[in-house]
C-alpha atoms as a PDB file:
ATOM      1  CA  UNK A   1      69.916  93.415 127.376  1.00  0.00           C
ATOM      2  CA  UNK A   2      70.620  94.578 123.597  1.00  0.00           C
ATOM      3  CA  UNK A   3      68.338  97.109 122.037  1.00  0.00           C
ATOM      4  CA  UNK A   4      66.970  96.887 118.579  1.00  0.00           C
ATOM      5  CA  UNK A   5      69.675  99.677 117.627  1.00  0.00           C
ATOM      6  CA  UNK A   6      72.359  97.365 118.530  1.00  0.00           C
ATOM      7  CA  UNK A   7      70.768  94.517 116.378  1.00  0.00           C
ATOM      8  CA  UNK A   8      70.380  96.875 113.480  1.00  0.00           C
ATOM      9  CA  UNK A   9      74.006  98.142 113.503  1.00  0.00           C
ATOM     10  CA  UNK A  10      75.192  94.618 113.790  1.00  0.00           C
ATOM     11  CA  UNK A  11      73.101  93.696 110.888  1.00  0.00           C
ATOM     12  CA  UNK A  12      74.273  96.753 109.036  1.00  0.00           C
ATOM     13  CA  UNK A  13      77.855  95.880 109.631  1.00  0.00           C
ATOM     14  CA  UNK A  14      77.331  92.441 108.497  1.00  0.00           C
ATOM     15  CA  UNK A  15      75.718  93.727 105.171  1.00  0.00           C
ATOM     16  CA  UNK A  16      78.651  96.123 104.643  1.00  0.00           C
ATOM     17  CA  UNK A  17      81.084  93.297 104.908  1.00  0.00           C
ATOM     18  CA  UNK A  18      79.131  91.211 102.494  1.00  0.00           C
ATOM     19  CA  UNK A  19      79.212  94.210 100.358  1.00  0.00           C
ATOM     20  CA  UNK A  20      82.754  94.672 100.590  1.00  0.00           C
ATOM     21  CA  UNK A  21      83.687  91.023  99.753  1.00  0.00           C
ATOM     22  CA  UNK A  22      81.370  91.263  96.664  1.00  0.00           C
ATOM     23  CA  UNK A  23      82.948  94.451  95.582  1.00  0.00           C
ATOM     24  CA  UNK A  24      86.191  92.427  95.550  1.00  0.00           C
ATOM     25  CA  UNK A  25      84.856  90.036  92.999  1.00  0.00           C
ATOM     26  CA  UNK A  26      82.891  92.896  90.965  1.00  0.00           C
ATOM     27  CA  UNK A  27      86.173  94.145  89.032  1.00  0.00           C
ATOM     28  CA  UNK A  28      86.832  91.989  85.944  1.00  0.00           C
ATOM     29  CA  UNK A  29      90.418  92.084  86.397  1.00  0.00           C
ATOM     30  CA  UNK A  30      90.392  90.861  90.052  1.00  0.00           C
ATOM     31  CA  UNK A  31      87.615  88.081  88.953  1.00  0.00           C
ATOM     32  CA  UNK A  32      89.788  86.849  86.169  1.00  0.00           C
ATOM     33  CA  UNK A  33      92.733  86.419  88.601  1.00  0.00           C
ATOM     34  CA  UNK A  34      90.568  84.594  91.189  1.00  0.00           C
ATOM     35  CA  UNK A  35      89.311  82.453  88.119  1.00  0.00           C
ATOM     36  CA  UNK A  36      92.807  81.691  87.236  1.00  0.00           C
ATOM     37  CA  UNK A  37      93.529  80.571  90.760  1.00  0.00           C
ATOM     38  CA  UNK A  38      90.898  78.223  91.149  1.00  0.00           C
ATOM     39  CA  UNK A  39      93.068  75.493  89.470  1.00  0.00           C
ATOM     40  CA  UNK A  40      95.882  76.154  91.963  1.00  0.00           C
ATOM     41  CA  UNK A  41      98.886  78.327  92.832  1.00  0.00           C
ATOM     42  CA  UNK A  42     100.311  80.366  90.039  1.00  0.00           C
ATOM     43  CA  UNK A  43     103.235  82.877  89.887  1.00  0.00           C
ATOM     44  CA  UNK A  44     102.480  86.618  88.802  1.00  0.00           C
ATOM     45  CA  UNK A  45     103.453  85.964  85.531  1.00  0.00           C
ATOM     46  CA  UNK A  46     101.415  82.750  85.118  1.00  0.00           C
ATOM     47  CA  UNK A  47      98.264  84.668  86.449  1.00  0.00           C
ATOM     48  CA  UNK A  48      98.880  87.547  83.959  1.00  0.00           C
ATOM     49  CA  UNK A  49      98.942  85.167  81.077  1.00  0.00           C
ATOM     50  CA  UNK A  50      95.952  83.407  82.170  1.00  0.00           C
ATOM     51  CA  UNK A  51      93.900  86.513  83.011  1.00  0.00           C
ATOM     52  CA  UNK A  52      95.118  88.358  79.890  1.00  0.00           C
ATOM     53  CA  UNK A  53      96.368  91.284  82.038  1.00  0.00           C
ATOM     54  CA  UNK A  54      99.698  93.012  82.187  1.00  0.00           C
ATOM     55  CA  UNK A  55     102.321  92.174  84.773  1.00  0.00           C
ATOM     56  CA  UNK A  56     101.880  95.601  86.671  1.00  0.00           C
ATOM     57  CA  UNK A  57      98.064  95.561  86.559  1.00  0.00           C
ATOM     58  CA  UNK A  58      97.977  91.626  87.944  1.00  0.00           C
ATOM     59  CA  UNK A  59     100.345  92.719  90.781  1.00  0.00           C
ATOM     60  CA  UNK A  60      98.226  95.681  91.743  1.00  0.00           C
ATOM     61  CA  UNK A  61      95.111  93.369  91.854  1.00  0.00           C
ATOM     62  CA  UNK A  62      96.950  90.656  93.620  1.00  0.00           C
ATOM     63  CA  UNK A  63      97.931  93.165  96.170  1.00  0.00           C
ATOM     64  CA  UNK A  64      94.316  94.092  96.672  1.00  0.00           C
ATOM     65  CA  UNK A  65      93.053  90.649  96.749  1.00  0.00           C
ATOM     66  CA  UNK A  66      95.655  89.693  99.349  1.00  0.00           C
ATOM     67  CA  UNK A  67      94.780  92.665 101.660  1.00  0.00           C
ATOM     68  CA  UNK A  68      91.477  91.764 101.539  1.00  0.00           C
ATOM     69  CA  UNK A  69      92.199  88.292 102.444  1.00  0.00           C
ATOM     70  CA  UNK A  70      91.003  86.643  99.318  1.00  0.00           C
ATOM     71  CA  UNK A  71      94.409  85.259  98.091  1.00  0.00           C
ATOM     72  CA  UNK A  72      97.765  84.564 100.031  1.00  0.00           C
ATOM     73  CA  UNK A  73     101.220  84.178  98.706  1.00  0.00           C
ATOM     74  CA  UNK A  74     104.221  81.765  99.441  1.00  0.00           C
ATOM     75  CA  UNK A  75     107.846  82.281  98.387  1.00  0.00           C
ATOM     76  CA  UNK A  76     108.807  79.179  96.398  1.00  0.00           C
ATOM     77  CA  UNK A  77     112.614  79.794  95.431  1.00  0.00           C
ATOM     78  CA  UNK A  78     113.060  82.959  93.587  1.00  0.00           C
ATOM     79  CA  UNK A  79     109.322  83.146  92.726  1.00  0.00           C
ATOM     80  CA  UNK A  80     106.023  84.060  94.628  1.00  0.00           C
ATOM     81  CA  UNK A  81     103.056  81.794  94.269  1.00  0.00           C
ATOM     82  CA  UNK A  82      99.579  82.965  94.832  1.00  0.00           C
ATOM     83  CA  UNK A  83      96.679  80.855  95.838  1.00  0.00           C
ATOM     84  CA  UNK A  84      93.061  81.301  96.758  1.00  0.00           C
ATOM     85  CA  UNK A  85      93.154  81.765 100.707  1.00  0.00           C
ATOM     86  CA  UNK A  86      90.031  79.525 101.137  1.00  0.00           C
ATOM     87  CA  UNK A  87      88.649  76.768  99.175  1.00  0.00           C
ATOM     88  CA  UNK A  88      85.366  78.495  99.660  1.00  0.00           C
ATOM     89  CA  UNK A  89      86.274  81.243  97.489  1.00  0.00           C
ATOM     90  CA  UNK A  90      86.460  78.837  94.684  1.00  0.00           C
ATOM     91  CA  UNK A  91      83.133  77.617  95.525  1.00  0.00           C
ATOM     92  CA  UNK A  92      81.625  80.901  95.659  1.00  0.00           C
ATOM     93  CA  UNK A  93      83.030  81.474  92.039  1.00  0.00           C
ATOM     94  CA  UNK A  94      81.672  78.152  90.942  1.00  0.00           C
ATOM     95  CA  UNK A  95      78.182  79.008  92.240  1.00  0.00           C
ATOM     96  CA  UNK A  96      78.426  82.281  90.554  1.00  0.00           C
ATOM     97  CA  UNK A  97      78.660  80.184  87.311  1.00  0.00           C
ATOM     98  CA  UNK A  98      75.842  77.778  88.084  1.00  0.00           C
ATOM     99  CA  UNK A  99      73.201  80.625  89.014  1.00  0.00           C
ATOM    100  CA  UNK A 100      73.087  82.665  86.010  1.00  0.00           C
ATOM    101  CA  UNK A 101      72.571  79.308  84.121  1.00  0.00           C
ATOM    102  CA  UNK A 102      69.276  79.198  86.118  1.00  0.00           C
ATOM    103  CA  UNK A 103      68.335  82.802  85.963  1.00  0.00           C
ATOM    104  CA  UNK A 104      70.228  83.782  82.797  1.00  0.00           C
ATOM    105  CA  UNK A 105      67.555  85.814  81.126  1.00  0.00           C
ATOM    106  CA  UNK A 106      67.170  88.291  83.923  1.00  0.00           C
ATOM    107  CA  UNK A 107      71.102  88.471  84.445  1.00  0.00           C
ATOM    108  CA  UNK A 108      71.757  89.107  80.662  1.00  0.00           C
ATOM    109  CA  UNK A 109      69.077  91.816  80.503  1.00  0.00           C
ATOM    110  CA  UNK A 110      70.054  93.578  83.559  1.00  0.00           C
ATOM    111  CA  UNK A 111      71.253  97.044  82.438  1.00  0.00           C
ATOM    112  CA  UNK A 112      71.714  98.531  86.154  1.00  0.00           C
ATOM    113  CA  UNK A 113      74.949  96.966  86.824  1.00  0.00           C
ATOM    114  CA  UNK A 114      76.764  97.261  83.499  1.00  0.00           C
ATOM    115  CA  UNK A 115      80.436  98.253  83.933  1.00  0.00           C
ATOM    116  CA  UNK A 116      80.803 102.048  83.688  1.00  0.00           C
ATOM    117  CA  UNK A 117      76.870 102.824  83.963  1.00  0.00           C
ATOM    118  CA  UNK A 118      74.946 104.423  86.740  1.00  0.00           C
ATOM    119  CA  UNK A 119      72.658 102.311  89.105  1.00  0.00           C
ATOM    120  CA  UNK A 120      69.559 104.010  88.759  1.00  0.00           C
ATOM    121  CA  UNK A 121      68.342 103.104  92.171  1.00  0.00           C
ATOM    122  CA  UNK A 122      71.509 105.072  93.614  1.00  0.00           C
ATOM    123  CA  UNK A 123      70.850 108.294  91.261  1.00  0.00           C
ATOM    124  CA  UNK A 124      69.255 111.278  93.052  1.00  0.00           C
ATOM    125  CA  UNK A 125      65.580 111.551  92.194  1.00  0.00           C
ATOM    126  CA  UNK A 126      63.769 114.690  90.974  1.00  0.00           C
ATOM    127  CA  UNK A 127      60.784 115.939  92.668  1.00  0.00           C
ATOM    128  CA  UNK A 128      58.645 114.381  89.771  1.00  0.00           C
ATOM    129  CA  UNK A 129      60.243 111.122  90.398  1.00  0.00           C
ATOM    130  CA  UNK A 130      59.780 111.084  93.957  1.00  0.00           C
ATOM    131  CA  UNK A 131      55.983 112.055  93.547  1.00  0.00           C
ATOM    132  CA  UNK A 132      55.578 109.020  91.175  1.00  0.00           C
ATOM    133  CA  UNK A 133      57.726 106.528  93.041  1.00  0.00           C
END
């Protein structure tokens, strides 16, 4: 028989895995690469051009995306073509386009997740902040 702690740790692992997946999409360069690959397989040069990135930056991010299982590569003569590893990756990105249209005001106004900013929910609280929370 499993205890509640076993279920909690399994739930925690599932949440961590989902968070890790979304961190892959959180970087604008990686998301630009995923966007470029939604239309089909491309070479590094084609991806760099589509995403507006340098070749070395594109290669580094592609390596990250491949290691995380979001893209795969296949040799095509002297070129390597990259594509999304699963059609659901494109579906997830498409959903990410649709959802903000429905909740645009809140997403646009959100300052907690701006790039380079600190998420206030993760910042240490002072004694006064803890007392008023």
